[in-house]
PDB file of N, CA and C in Angstrom:
ATOM      1  N   MET A   1     -13.236  12.830 -47.000  1.00  0.00           N
ATOM      2  CA  MET A   1     -14.220  13.155 -48.001  1.00  0.00           C
ATOM      3  C   MET A   1     -13.586  14.172 -48.937  1.00  0.00           C
ATOM      4  N   SER A   2     -13.586  13.883 -50.220  1.00  0.00           N
ATOM      5  CA  SER A   2     -12.964  14.796 -51.188  1.00  0.00           C
ATOM      6  C   SER A   2     -13.905  15.931 -51.515  1.00  0.00           C
ATOM      7  N   MET A   3     -13.327  17.006 -52.037  1.00  0.00           N
ATOM      8  CA  MET A   3     -14.129  18.186 -52.375  1.00  0.00           C
ATOM      9  C   MET A   3     -15.088  17.875 -53.525  1.00  0.00           C
ATOM     10  N   ALA A   4     -14.736  16.995 -54.427  1.00  0.00           N
ATOM     11  CA  ALA A   4     -15.597  16.668 -55.561  1.00  0.00           C
ATOM     12  C   ALA A   4     -16.847  15.940 -55.086  1.00  0.00           C
ATOM     13  N   ALA A   5     -16.750  15.186 -54.015  1.00  0.00           N
ATOM     14  CA  ALA A   5     -17.880  14.417 -53.532  1.00  0.00           C
ATOM     15  C   ALA A   5     -18.795  15.243 -52.641  1.00  0.00           C
ATOM     16  N   MET A   6     -18.360  16.411 -52.223  1.00  0.00           N
ATOM     17  CA  MET A   6     -19.152  17.253 -51.338  1.00  0.00           C
ATOM     18  C   MET A   6     -20.268  17.922 -52.137  1.00  0.00           C
ATOM     19  N   PRO A   7     -21.482  17.856 -51.643  1.00  0.00           N
ATOM     20  CA  PRO A   7     -22.548  18.573 -52.332  1.00  0.00           C
ATOM     21  C   PRO A   7     -22.386  20.062 -52.125  1.00  0.00           C
ATOM     22  N   VAL A   8     -22.632  20.811 -53.125  1.00  0.00           N
ATOM     23  CA  VAL A   8     -22.473  22.251 -53.059  1.00  0.00           C
ATOM     24  C   VAL A   8     -23.866  22.858 -52.903  1.00  0.00           C
ATOM     25  N   ALA A   9     -24.072  23.467 -51.760  1.00  0.00           N
ATOM     26  CA  ALA A   9     -25.360  24.119 -51.524  1.00  0.00           C
ATOM     27  C   ALA A   9     -25.274  25.548 -52.012  1.00  0.00           C
ATOM     28  N   GLY A  10     -26.296  26.041 -52.564  1.00  0.00           N
ATOM     29  CA  GLY A  10     -26.328  27.434 -53.007  1.00  0.00           C
ATOM     30  C   GLY A  10     -25.403  27.675 -54.168  1.00  0.00           C
ATOM     31  N   ALA A  11     -25.562  26.912 -55.257  1.00  0.00           N
ATOM     32  CA  ALA A  11     -24.700  27.047 -56.423  1.00  0.00           C
ATOM     33  C   ALA A  11     -24.805  28.423 -57.049  1.00  0.00           C
ATOM     34  N   ASP A  12     -25.832  29.198 -56.705  1.00  0.00           N
ATOM     35  CA  ASP A  12     -25.971  30.532 -57.255  1.00  0.00           C
ATOM     36  C   ASP A  12     -24.924  31.463 -56.701  1.00  0.00           C
ATOM     37  N   ARG A  13     -24.323  31.117 -55.610  1.00  0.00           N
ATOM     38  CA  ARG A  13     -23.241  31.939 -55.048  1.00  0.00           C
ATOM     39  C   ARG A  13     -21.968  31.103 -55.081  1.00  0.00           C
ATOM     40  N   PRO A  14     -21.308  30.997 -56.198  1.00  0.00           N
ATOM     41  CA  PRO A  14     -20.177  30.094 -56.343  1.00  0.00           C
ATOM     42  C   PRO A  14     -18.994  30.425 -55.440  1.00  0.00           C
ATOM     43  N   VAL A  15     -18.657  31.641 -55.213  1.00  0.00           N
ATOM     44  CA  VAL A  15     -17.485  31.985 -54.396  1.00  0.00           C
ATOM     45  C   VAL A  15     -17.741  31.654 -52.942  1.00  0.00           C
ATOM     46  N   ALA A  16     -18.883  32.057 -52.451  1.00  0.00           N
ATOM     47  CA  ALA A  16     -19.206  31.801 -51.045  1.00  0.00           C
ATOM     48  C   ALA A  16     -19.332  30.314 -50.794  1.00  0.00           C
ATOM     49  N   SER A  17     -19.955  29.614 -51.702  1.00  0.00           N
ATOM     50  CA  SER A  17     -20.129  28.187 -51.493  1.00  0.00           C
ATOM     51  C   SER A  17     -18.802  27.447 -51.644  1.00  0.00           C
ATOM     52  N   ALA A  18     -17.949  27.881 -52.530  1.00  0.00           N
ATOM     53  CA  ALA A  18     -16.628  27.255 -52.676  1.00  0.00           C
ATOM     54  C   ALA A  18     -15.818  27.430 -51.408  1.00  0.00           C
ATOM     55  N   ARG A  19     -15.903  28.621 -50.830  1.00  0.00           N
ATOM     56  CA  ARG A  19     -15.216  28.838 -49.553  1.00  0.00           C
ATOM     57  C   ARG A  19     -15.780  27.930 -48.474  1.00  0.00           C
ATOM     58  N   ALA A  20     -17.084  27.793 -48.452  1.00  0.00           N
ATOM     59  CA  ALA A  20     -17.723  26.933 -47.451  1.00  0.00           C
ATOM     60  C   ALA A  20     -17.297  25.484 -47.634  1.00  0.00           C
ATOM     61  N   VAL A  21     -17.238  25.051 -48.887  1.00  0.00           N
ATOM     62  CA  VAL A  21     -16.823  23.677 -49.183  1.00  0.00           C
ATOM     63  C   VAL A  21     -15.374  23.461 -48.750  1.00  0.00           C
ATOM     64  N   VAL A  22     -14.503  24.374 -49.103  1.00  0.00           N
ATOM     65  CA  VAL A  22     -13.088  24.264 -48.731  1.00  0.00           C
ATOM     66  C   VAL A  22     -12.950  24.263 -47.213  1.00  0.00           C
ATOM     67  N   LEU A  23     -13.681  25.168 -46.557  1.00  0.00           N
ATOM     68  CA  LEU A  23     -13.629  25.239 -45.100  1.00  0.00           C
ATOM     69  C   LEU A  23     -14.135  23.944 -44.468  1.00  0.00           C
ATOM     70  N   ALA A  24     -15.211  23.390 -45.014  1.00  0.00           N
ATOM     71  CA  ALA A  24     -15.766  22.127 -44.495  1.00  0.00           C
ATOM     72  C   ALA A  24     -14.769  20.991 -44.683  1.00  0.00           C
ATOM     73  N   CYS A  25     -14.120  20.947 -45.826  1.00  0.00           N
ATOM     74  CA  CYS A  25     -13.114  19.894 -46.093  1.00  0.00           C
ATOM     75  C   CYS A  25     -11.925  20.015 -45.146  1.00  0.00           C
ATOM     76  N   VAL A  26     -11.445  21.228 -44.967  1.00  0.00           N
ATOM     77  CA  VAL A  26     -10.303  21.452 -44.071  1.00  0.00           C
ATOM     78  C   VAL A  26     -10.666  21.038 -42.645  1.00  0.00           C
ATOM     79  N   GLN A  27     -11.862  21.440 -42.205  1.00  0.00           N
ATOM     80  CA  GLN A  27     -12.281  21.079 -40.845  1.00  0.00           C
ATOM     81  C   GLN A  27     -12.430  19.570 -40.703  1.00  0.00           C
ATOM     82  N   ALA A  28     -12.981  18.902 -41.738  1.00  0.00           N
ATOM     83  CA  ALA A  28     -13.152  17.449 -41.688  1.00  0.00           C
ATOM     84  C   ALA A  28     -11.798  16.753 -41.618  1.00  0.00           C
ATOM     85  N   ARG A  29     -10.853  17.202 -42.457  1.00  0.00           N
ATOM     86  CA  ARG A  29      -9.510  16.589 -42.448  1.00  0.00           C
ATOM     87  C   ARG A  29      -8.794  16.848 -41.122  1.00  0.00           C
ATOM     88  N   THR A  30      -8.896  18.065 -40.644  1.00  0.00           N
ATOM     89  CA  THR A  30      -8.247  18.412 -39.378  1.00  0.00           C
ATOM     90  C   THR A  30      -8.843  17.594 -38.247  1.00  0.00           C
ATOM     91  N   GLY A  31     -10.152  17.436 -38.259  1.00  0.00           N
ATOM     92  CA  GLY A  31     -10.815  16.628 -37.238  1.00  0.00           C
ATOM     93  C   GLY A  31     -10.367  15.183 -37.278  1.00  0.00           C
ATOM     94  N   ARG A  32     -10.237  14.626 -38.478  1.00  0.00           N
ATOM     95  CA  ARG A  32      -9.766  13.243 -38.613  1.00  0.00           C
ATOM     96  C   ARG A  32      -8.327  13.110 -38.136  1.00  0.00           C
ATOM     97  N   ARG A  33      -7.502  14.091 -38.491  1.00  0.00           N
ATOM     98  CA  ARG A  33      -6.100  14.044 -38.049  1.00  0.00           C
ATOM     99  C   ARG A  33      -6.023  14.122 -36.529  1.00  0.00           C
ATOM    100  N   ARG A  34      -6.834  15.013 -35.956  1.00  0.00           N
ATOM    101  CA  ARG A  34      -6.821  15.135 -34.489  1.00  0.00           C
ATOM    102  C   ARG A  34      -7.299  13.844 -33.847  1.00  0.00           C
ATOM    103  N   ALA A  35      -8.355  13.243 -34.420  1.00  0.00           N
ATOM    104  CA  ALA A  35      -8.862  11.976 -33.878  1.00  0.00           C
ATOM    105  C   ALA A  35      -7.809  10.883 -34.034  1.00  0.00           C
ATOM    106  N   ALA A  36      -7.153  10.836 -35.202  1.00  0.00           N
ATOM    107  CA  ALA A  36      -6.106   9.836 -35.430  1.00  0.00           C
ATOM    108  C   ALA A  36      -4.925  10.097 -34.501  1.00  0.00           C
ATOM    109  N   ALA A  37      -4.553  11.371 -34.362  1.00  0.00           N
ATOM    110  CA  ALA A  37      -3.440  11.711 -33.479  1.00  0.00           C
ATOM    111  C   ALA A  37      -3.805  11.380 -32.038  1.00  0.00           C
ATOM    112  N   SER A  38      -5.057  11.655 -31.681  1.00  0.00           N
ATOM    113  CA  SER A  38      -5.502  11.368 -30.321  1.00  0.00           C
ATOM    114  C   SER A  38      -5.454   9.859 -30.056  1.00  0.00           C
ATOM    115  N   THR A  39      -5.925   9.087 -31.024  1.00  0.00           N
ATOM    116  CA  THR A  39      -5.877   7.632 -30.890  1.00  0.00           C
ATOM    117  C   THR A  39      -4.435   7.162 -30.835  1.00  0.00           C
ATOM    118  N   SER A  40      -3.596   7.717 -31.690  1.00  0.00           N
ATOM    119  CA  SER A  40      -2.185   7.363 -31.705  1.00  0.00           C
ATOM    120  C   SER A  40      -1.519   7.757 -30.380  1.00  0.00           C
ATOM    121  N   ASP A  41      -1.829   8.954 -29.883  1.00  0.00           N
ATOM    122  CA  ASP A  41      -1.265   9.408 -28.607  1.00  0.00           C
ATOM    123  C   ASP A  41      -1.704   8.502 -27.466  1.00  0.00           C
ATOM    124  N   GLU A  42      -2.969   8.094 -27.490  1.00  0.00           N
ATOM    125  CA  GLU A  42      -3.462   7.196 -26.439  1.00  0.00           C
ATOM    126  C   GLU A  42      -2.736   5.861 -26.496  1.00  0.00           C
ATOM    127  N   ALA A  43      -2.519   5.348 -27.689  1.00  0.00           N
ATOM    128  CA  ALA A  43      -1.800   4.079 -27.847  1.00  0.00           C
ATOM    129  C   ALA A  43      -0.364   4.220 -27.344  1.00  0.00           C
ATOM    130  N   ILE A  44       0.258   5.334 -27.678  1.00  0.00           N
ATOM    131  CA  ILE A  44       1.635   5.578 -27.221  1.00  0.00           C
ATOM    132  C   ILE A  44       1.668   5.668 -25.697  1.00  0.00           C
ATOM    133  N   MET A  45       0.703   6.384 -25.130  1.00  0.00           N
ATOM    134  CA  MET A  45       0.667   6.530 -23.669  1.00  0.00           C
ATOM    135  C   MET A  45       0.429   5.182 -22.987  1.00  0.00           C
ATOM    136  N   ARG A  46      -0.440   4.341 -23.576  1.00  0.00           N
ATOM    137  CA  ARG A  46      -0.659   2.999 -23.004  1.00  0.00           C
ATOM    138  C   ARG A  46       0.632   2.189 -23.067  1.00  0.00           C
ATOM    139  N   ARG A  47       1.344   2.289 -24.167  1.00  0.00           N
ATOM    140  CA  ARG A  47       2.609   1.555 -24.330  1.00  0.00           C
ATOM    141  C   ARG A  47       3.652   2.065 -23.330  1.00  0.00           C
ATOM    142  N   VAL A  48       3.731   3.378 -23.189  1.00  0.00           N
ATOM    143  CA  VAL A  48       4.682   3.968 -22.232  1.00  0.00           C
ATOM    144  C   VAL A  48       4.334   3.521 -20.823  1.00  0.00           C
ATOM    145  N   GLN A  49       3.043   3.547 -20.486  1.00  0.00           N
ATOM    146  CA  GLN A  49       2.610   3.117 -19.150  1.00  0.00           C
ATOM    147  C   GLN A  49       2.977   1.649 -18.922  1.00  0.00           C
ATOM    148  N   ALA A  50       2.759   0.807 -19.930  1.00  0.00           N
ATOM    149  CA  ALA A  50       3.114  -0.607 -19.816  1.00  0.00           C
ATOM    150  C   ALA A  50       4.620  -0.771 -19.611  1.00  0.00           C
ATOM    151  N   LEU A  51       5.420  -0.009 -20.347  1.00  0.00           N
ATOM    152  CA  LEU A  51       6.879  -0.084 -20.192  1.00  0.00           C
ATOM    153  C   LEU A  51       7.311   0.362 -18.802  1.00  0.00           C
ATOM    154  N   VAL A  52       6.688   1.424 -18.298  1.00  0.00           N
ATOM    155  CA  VAL A  52       7.015   1.911 -16.946  1.00  0.00           C
ATOM    156  C   VAL A  52       6.662   0.845 -15.914  1.00  0.00           C
ATOM    157  N   GLU A  53       5.490   0.231 -16.057  1.00  0.00           N
ATOM    158  CA  GLU A  53       5.082  -0.812 -15.110  1.00  0.00           C
ATOM    159  C   GLU A  53       6.026  -2.002 -15.158  1.00  0.00           C
ATOM    160  N   GLN A  54       6.447  -2.398 -16.372  1.00  0.00           N
ATOM    161  CA  GLN A  54       7.399  -3.503 -16.501  1.00  0.00           C
ATOM    162  C   GLN A  54       8.726  -3.155 -15.836  1.00  0.00           C
ATOM    163  N   SER A  55       9.170  -1.935 -16.034  1.00  0.00           N
ATOM    164  CA  SER A  55      10.420  -1.485 -15.432  1.00  0.00           C
ATOM    165  C   SER A  55      10.320  -1.491 -13.911  1.00  0.00           C
ATOM    166  N   GLU A  56       9.202  -0.991 -13.402  1.00  0.00           N
ATOM    167  CA  GLU A  56       9.014  -0.977 -11.943  1.00  0.00           C
ATOM    168  C   GLU A  56       8.999  -2.395 -11.383  1.00  0.00           C
ATOM    169  N   GLU A  57       8.357  -3.314 -12.089  1.00  0.00           N
ATOM    170  CA  GLU A  57       8.310  -4.710 -11.638  1.00  0.00           C
ATOM    171  C   GLU A  57       9.720  -5.315 -11.639  1.00  0.00           C
ATOM    172  N   ARG A  58      10.493  -5.038 -12.698  1.00  0.00           N
ATOM    173  CA  ARG A  58      11.885  -5.529 -12.735  1.00  0.00           C
ATOM    174  C   ARG A  58      12.686  -4.959 -11.576  1.00  0.00           C
ATOM    175  N   GLN A  59      12.494  -3.672 -11.297  1.00  0.00           N
ATOM    176  CA  GLN A  59      13.224  -3.037 -10.198  1.00  0.00           C
ATOM    177  C   GLN A  59      12.822  -3.638  -8.854  1.00  0.00           C
ATOM    178  N   ARG A  60      11.525  -3.921  -8.663  1.00  0.00           N
ATOM    179  CA  ARG A  60      11.073  -4.560  -7.417  1.00  0.00           C
ATOM    180  C   ARG A  60      11.694  -5.943  -7.266  1.00  0.00           C
ATOM    181  N   ARG A  61      11.688  -6.695  -8.361  1.00  0.00           N
ATOM    182  CA  ARG A  61      12.277  -8.043  -8.327  1.00  0.00           C
ATOM    183  C   ARG A  61      13.765  -7.964  -8.005  1.00  0.00           C
ATOM    184  N   GLU A  62      14.460  -7.065  -8.683  1.00  0.00           N
ATOM    185  CA  GLU A  62      15.904  -6.900  -8.465  1.00  0.00           C
ATOM    186  C   GLU A  62      16.195  -6.463  -7.029  1.00  0.00           C
ATOM    187  N   PHE A  63      15.385  -5.545  -6.507  1.00  0.00           N
ATOM    188  CA  PHE A  63      15.548  -5.085  -5.131  1.00  0.00           C
ATOM    189  C   PHE A  63      15.346  -6.243  -4.149  1.00  0.00           C
ATOM    190  N   THR A  64      14.332  -7.060  -4.401  1.00  0.00           N
ATOM    191  CA  THR A  64      14.068  -8.206  -3.529  1.00  0.00           C
ATOM    192  C   THR A  64      15.233  -9.185  -3.561  1.00  0.00           C
ATOM    193  N   ILE A  65      15.726  -9.457  -4.754  1.00  0.00           N
ATOM    194  CA  ILE A  65      16.866 -10.382  -4.887  1.00  0.00           C
ATOM    195  C   ILE A  65      18.083  -9.828  -4.145  1.00  0.00           C
ATOM    196  N   ARG A  66      18.377  -8.549  -4.341  1.00  0.00           N
ATOM    197  CA  ARG A  66      19.529  -7.937  -3.672  1.00  0.00           C
ATOM    198  C   ARG A  66      19.347  -7.933  -2.154  1.00  0.00           C
ATOM    199  N   SER A  67      18.130  -7.693  -1.694  1.00  0.00           N
ATOM    200  CA  SER A  67      17.858  -7.682  -0.251  1.00  0.00           C
ATOM    201  C   SER A  67      18.095  -9.067   0.352  1.00  0.00           C
ATOM    202  N   VAL A  68      17.637 -10.093  -0.340  1.00  0.00           N
ATOM    203  CA  VAL A  68      17.834 -11.462   0.138  1.00  0.00           C
ATOM    204  C   VAL A  68      19.323 -11.801   0.145  1.00  0.00           C
ATOM    205  N   GLU A  69      20.019 -11.426  -0.917  1.00  0.00           N
ATOM    206  CA  GLU A  69      21.464 -11.675  -0.967  1.00  0.00           C
ATOM    207  C   GLU A  69      22.186 -10.945   0.157  1.00  0.00           C
ATOM    208  N   LEU A  70      21.804  -9.714   0.408  1.00  0.00           N
ATOM    209  CA  LEU A  70      22.428  -8.923   1.468  1.00  0.00           C
ATOM    210  C   LEU A  70      22.176  -9.553   2.831  1.00  0.00           C
ATOM    211  N   ALA A  71      20.943  -9.986   3.079  1.00  0.00           N
ATOM    212  CA  ALA A  71      20.620 -10.641   4.354  1.00  0.00           C
ATOM    213  C   ALA A  71      21.427 -11.928   4.506  1.00  0.00           C
ATOM    214  N   ARG A  72      21.565 -12.691   3.424  1.00  0.00           N
ATOM    215  CA  ARG A  72      22.343 -13.936   3.473  1.00  0.00           C
ATOM    216  C   ARG A  72      23.817 -13.632   3.754  1.00  0.00           C
ATOM    217  N   ASP A  73      24.349 -12.599   3.101  1.00  0.00           N
ATOM    218  CA  ASP A  73      25.748 -12.218   3.320  1.00  0.00           C
ATOM    219  C   ASP A  73      25.972 -11.755   4.766  1.00  0.00           C
ATOM    220  N   PHE A  74      25.024 -10.962   5.293  1.00  0.00           N
ATOM    221  CA  PHE A  74      25.143 -10.504   6.685  1.00  0.00           C
ATOM    222  C   PHE A  74      25.128 -11.694   7.641  1.00  0.00           C
ATOM    223  N   GLU A  75      24.235 -12.641   7.401  1.00  0.00           N
ATOM    224  CA  GLU A  75      24.129 -13.813   8.273  1.00  0.00           C
ATOM    225  C   GLU A  75      25.416 -14.640   8.215  1.00  0.00           C
ATOM    226  N   ALA A  76      25.953 -14.831   7.025  1.00  0.00           N
ATOM    227  CA  ALA A  76      27.199 -15.593   6.889  1.00  0.00           C
ATOM    228  C   ALA A  76      28.336 -14.882   7.626  1.00  0.00           C
ATOM    229  N   GLN A  77      28.438 -13.573   7.486  1.00  0.00           N
ATOM    230  CA  GLN A  77      29.485 -12.816   8.173  1.00  0.00           C
ATOM    231  C   GLN A  77      29.279 -12.857   9.682  1.00  0.00           C
ATOM    232  N   ARG A  78      28.015 -12.801  10.120  1.00  0.00           N
ATOM    233  CA  ARG A  78      27.717 -12.866  11.557  1.00  0.00           C
ATOM    234  C   ARG A  78      28.201 -14.199  12.139  1.00  0.00           C
ATOM    235  N   ARG A  79      27.960 -15.283  11.399  1.00  0.00           N
ATOM    236  CA  ARG A  79      28.399 -16.601  11.872  1.00  0.00           C
ATOM    237  C   ARG A  79      29.928 -16.682  11.956  1.00  0.00           C
ATOM    238  N   VAL A  80      30.603 -16.137  10.949  1.00  0.00           N
ATOM    239  CA  VAL A  80      32.072 -16.126  10.961  1.00  0.00           C
ATOM    240  C   VAL A  80      32.571 -15.310  12.160  1.00  0.00           C
ATOM    241  N   ASP A  81      31.959 -14.145  12.383  1.00  0.00           N
ATOM    242  CA  ASP A  81      32.364 -13.293  13.503  1.00  0.00           C
ATOM    243  C   ASP A  81      32.127 -13.980  14.846  1.00  0.00           C
ATOM    244  N   LEU A  82      30.983 -14.657  14.986  1.00  0.00           N
ATOM    245  CA  LEU A  82      30.693 -15.370  16.244  1.00  0.00           C
ATOM    246  C   LEU A  82      31.709 -16.488  16.489  1.00  0.00           C
ATOM    247  N   ALA A  83      32.059 -17.204  15.435  1.00  0.00           N
ATOM    248  CA  ALA A  83      33.058 -18.272  15.579  1.00  0.00           C
ATOM    249  C   ALA A  83      34.405 -17.678  16.007  1.00  0.00           C
ATOM    250  N   SER A  84      34.767 -16.553  15.424  1.00  0.00           N
ATOM    251  CA  SER A  84      36.022 -15.897  15.777  1.00  0.00           C
ATOM    252  C   SER A  84      36.000 -15.426  17.229  1.00  0.00           C
ATOM    253  N   VAL A  85      34.877 -14.862  17.651  1.00  0.00           N
ATOM    254  CA  VAL A  85      34.761 -14.405  19.047  1.00  0.00           C
ATOM    255  C   VAL A  85      34.852 -15.596  19.992  1.00  0.00           C
ATOM    256  N   ARG A  86      34.150 -16.695  19.666  1.00  0.00           N
ATOM    257  CA  ARG A  86      34.223 -17.897  20.523  1.00  0.00           C
ATOM    258  C   ARG A  86      35.662 -18.396  20.642  1.00  0.00           C
ATOM    259  N   GLN A  87      36.362 -18.435  19.522  1.00  0.00           N
ATOM    260  CA  GLN A  87      37.740 -18.918  19.534  1.00  0.00           C
ATOM    261  C   GLN A  87      38.609 -18.009  20.404  1.00  0.00           C
ATOM    262  N   THR A  88      38.459 -16.696  20.237  1.00  0.00           N
ATOM    263  CA  THR A  88      39.255 -15.743  21.009  1.00  0.00           C
ATOM    264  C   THR A  88      38.943 -15.845  22.494  1.00  0.00           C
ATOM    265  N   VAL A  89      37.653 -15.926  22.822  1.00  0.00           N
ATOM    266  CA  VAL A  89      37.263 -16.046  24.233  1.00  0.00           C
ATOM    267  C   VAL A  89      37.800 -17.356  24.804  1.00  0.00           C
ATOM    268  N   GLY A  90      37.731 -18.418  24.024  1.00  0.00           N
ATOM    269  CA  GLY A  90      38.284 -19.702  24.481  1.00  0.00           C
ATOM    270  C   GLY A  90      39.777 -19.605  24.756  1.00  0.00           C
ATOM    271  N   GLN A  91      40.507 -18.934  23.885  1.00  0.00           N
ATOM    272  CA  GLN A  91      41.947 -18.771  24.092  1.00  0.00           C
ATOM    273  C   GLN A  91      42.215 -17.950  25.349  1.00  0.00           C
ATOM    274  N   ILE A  92      41.434 -16.891  25.521  1.00  0.00           N
ATOM    275  CA  ILE A  92      41.629 -16.048  26.713  1.00  0.00           C
ATOM    276  C   ILE A  92      41.300 -16.838  27.970  1.00  0.00           C
ATOM    277  N   GLN A  93      40.220 -17.605  27.927  1.00  0.00           N
ATOM    278  CA  GLN A  93      39.864 -18.414  29.095  1.00  0.00           C
ATOM    279  C   GLN A  93      40.949 -19.440  29.390  1.00  0.00           C
ATOM    280  N   GLY A  94      41.486 -20.055  28.334  1.00  0.00           N
ATOM    281  CA  GLY A  94      42.560 -21.037  28.532  1.00  0.00           C
ATOM    282  C   GLY A  94      43.786 -20.380  29.152  1.00  0.00           C
ATOM    283  N   THR A  95      44.149 -19.215  28.643  1.00  0.00           N
ATOM    284  CA  THR A  95      45.311 -18.494  29.177  1.00  0.00           C
ATOM    285  C   THR A  95      45.056 -18.072  30.618  1.00  0.00           C
ATOM    286  N   THR A  96      43.870 -17.540  30.861  1.00  0.00           N
ATOM    287  CA  THR A  96      43.518 -17.083  32.214  1.00  0.00           C
ATOM    288  C   THR A  96      43.496 -18.261  33.174  1.00  0.00           C
ATOM    289  N   GLY A  97      42.931 -19.380  32.724  1.00  0.00           N
ATOM    290  CA  GLY A  97      42.878 -20.579  33.570  1.00  0.00           C
ATOM    291  C   GLY A  97      44.274 -21.055  33.937  1.00  0.00           C
ATOM    292  N   ALA A  98      45.181 -21.034  32.964  1.00  0.00           N
ATOM    293  CA  ALA A  98      46.556 -21.475  33.226  1.00  0.00           C
ATOM    294  C   ALA A  98      47.235 -20.528  34.213  1.00  0.00           C
ATOM    295  N   GLU A  99      47.001 -19.222  34.062  1.00  0.00           N
ATOM    296  CA  GLU A  99      47.603 -18.251  34.985  1.00  0.00           C
ATOM    297  C   GLU A  99      47.055 -18.425  36.400  1.00  0.00           C
ATOM    298  N   VAL A 100      45.751 -18.652  36.492  1.00  0.00           N
ATOM    299  CA  VAL A 100      45.142 -18.867  37.815  1.00  0.00           C
ATOM    300  C   VAL A 100      45.729 -20.124  38.451  1.00  0.00           C
ATOM    301  N   ARG A 101      45.895 -21.196  37.693  1.00  0.00           N
ATOM    302  CA  ARG A 101      46.494 -22.424  38.207  1.00  0.00           C
ATOM    303  C   ARG A 101      47.910 -22.170  38.715  1.00  0.00           C
ATOM    304  N   GLN A 102      48.692 -21.433  37.940  1.00  0.00           N
ATOM    305  CA  GLN A 102      50.067 -21.126  38.347  1.00  0.00           C
ATOM    306  C   GLN A 102      50.079 -20.312  39.639  1.00  0.00           C
ATOM    307  N   GLN A 103      49.165 -19.345  39.740  1.00  0.00           N
ATOM    308  CA  GLN A 103      49.115 -18.532  40.963  1.00  0.00           C
ATOM    309  C   GLN A 103      48.701 -19.380  42.160  1.00  0.00           C
ATOM    310  N   ARG A 104      47.764 -20.288  41.986  1.00  0.00           N
ATOM    311  CA  ARG A 104      47.349 -21.171  43.091  1.00  0.00           C
ATOM    312  C   ARG A 104      48.504 -22.075  43.520  1.00  0.00           C
ATOM    313  N   GLU A 105      49.235 -22.600  42.551  1.00  0.00           N
ATOM    314  CA  GLU A 105      50.378 -23.438  42.873  1.00  0.00           C
ATOM    315  C   GLU A 105      51.429 -22.635  43.641  1.00  0.00           C
ATOM    316  N   ALA A 106      51.645 -21.384  43.200  1.00  0.00           N
ATOM    317  CA  ALA A 106      52.617 -20.537  43.900  1.00  0.00           C
ATOM    318  C   ALA A 106      52.138 -20.249  45.320  1.00  0.00           C
ATOM    319  N   ILE A 107      50.858 -19.978  45.492  1.00  0.00           N
ATOM    320  CA  ILE A 107      50.310 -19.718  46.837  1.00  0.00           C
ATOM    321  C   ILE A 107      50.424 -20.972  47.692  1.00  0.00           C
ATOM    322  N   ASP A 108      50.117 -22.134  47.096  1.00  0.00           N
ATOM    323  CA  ASP A 108      50.233 -23.394  47.836  1.00  0.00           C
ATOM    324  C   ASP A 108      51.683 -23.640  48.268  1.00  0.00           C
ATOM    325  N   GLN A 109      52.617 -23.348  47.374  1.00  0.00           N
ATOM    326  CA  GLN A 109      54.035 -23.525  47.720  1.00  0.00           C
ATOM    327  C   GLN A 109      54.429 -22.593  48.873  1.00  0.00           C
ATOM    328  N   ILE A 110      53.933 -21.344  48.783  1.00  0.00           N
ATOM    329  CA  ILE A 110      54.242 -20.387  49.861  1.00  0.00           C
ATOM    330  C   ILE A 110      53.614 -20.866  51.163  1.00  0.00           C
ATOM    331  N   ASN A 111      52.363 -21.318  51.117  1.00  0.00           N
ATOM    332  CA  ASN A 111      51.699 -21.827  52.335  1.00  0.00           C
ATOM    333  C   ASN A 111      52.444 -23.023  52.907  1.00  0.00           C
ATOM    334  N   ASN A 112      52.839 -23.946  52.038  1.00  0.00           N
ATOM    335  CA  ASN A 112      53.595 -25.124  52.514  1.00  0.00           C
ATOM    336  C   ASN A 112      54.912 -24.703  53.152  1.00  0.00           C
ATOM    337  N   TYR A 113      55.576 -23.747  52.536  1.00  0.00           N
ATOM    338  CA  TYR A 113      56.839 -23.258  53.093  1.00  0.00           C
ATOM    339  C   TYR A 113      56.604 -22.627  54.468  1.00  0.00           C
ATOM    340  N   LEU A 114      55.567 -21.801  54.556  1.00  0.00           N
ATOM    341  CA  LEU A 114      55.280 -21.149  55.841  1.00  0.00           C
ATOM    342  C   LEU A 114      54.919 -22.167  56.908  1.00  0.00           C
ATOM    343  N   ILE A 115      54.193 -23.192  56.530  1.00  0.00           N
ATOM    344  CA  ILE A 115      53.820 -24.236  57.508  1.00  0.00           C
ATOM    345  C   ILE A 115      55.076 -24.962  57.992  1.00  0.00           C
ATOM    346  N   ARG A 116      55.980 -25.288  57.105  1.00  0.00           N
ATOM    347  CA  ARG A 116      57.216 -25.983  57.493  1.00  0.00           C
ATOM    348  C   ARG A 116      58.080 -25.119  58.397  1.00  0.00           C
ATOM    349  N   VAL A 117      58.178 -23.858  57.996  1.00  0.00           N
ATOM    350  CA  VAL A 117      59.009 -22.957  58.778  1.00  0.00           C
ATOM    351  C   VAL A 117      58.417 -22.781  60.179  1.00  0.00           C
ATOM    352  N   SER A 118      57.111 -22.668  60.241  1.00  0.00           N
ATOM    353  CA  SER A 118      56.489 -22.449  61.571  1.00  0.00           C
ATOM    354  C   SER A 118      56.588 -23.717  62.413  1.00  0.00           C
ATOM    355  N   GLN A 119      56.603 -24.892  61.806  1.00  0.00           N
ATOM    356  CA  GLN A 119      56.721 -26.136  62.575  1.00  0.00           C
ATOM    357  C   GLN A 119      58.152 -26.360  63.042  1.00  0.00           C
ATOM    358  N   GLN A 120      59.120 -25.877  62.293  1.00  0.00           N
ATOM    359  CA  GLN A 120      60.513 -26.048  62.682  1.00  0.00           C
ATOM    360  C   GLN A 120      60.866 -25.130  63.855  1.00  0.00           C
ATOM    361  N   GLY A 121      60.209 -24.003  63.900  1.00  0.00           N
ATOM    362  CA  GLY A 121      60.522 -23.047  64.944  1.00  0.00           C
ATOM    363  C   GLY A 121      59.912 -23.422  66.256  1.00  0.00           C
ATOM    364  N   ARG A 122      59.139 -24.387  66.376  1.00  0.00           N
ATOM    365  CA  ARG A 122      58.519 -24.767  67.635  1.00  0.00           C
ATOM    366  C   ARG A 122      59.339 -25.671  68.435  1.00  0.00           C
TER     367      ARG A 122
END
């Protein structure tokens, strides 16, 4: 509202009324600016809140994707490790089995020798 459009009450006191008019105009403009700034601030805060929520959603999605990838990588490595352990255990069992066979053959040879020797001495 411009000062020219403001009705001047008490025209008989021009200085006091001019001050009142100026004060009323300043308060009206300041009030409008505060209301506009408040509306603008609210809009900015809503936009900031929306951006924060979008960012949080992206981070949740990214975290979920990384977690799934990590679980898949762990499972793949676990399978490789299990296969390696099976192979190693199989090799050890094969080696151990061969050694046990050799020892049994050696014991059998010793037993056969002892049996022959004991039969010859009779």
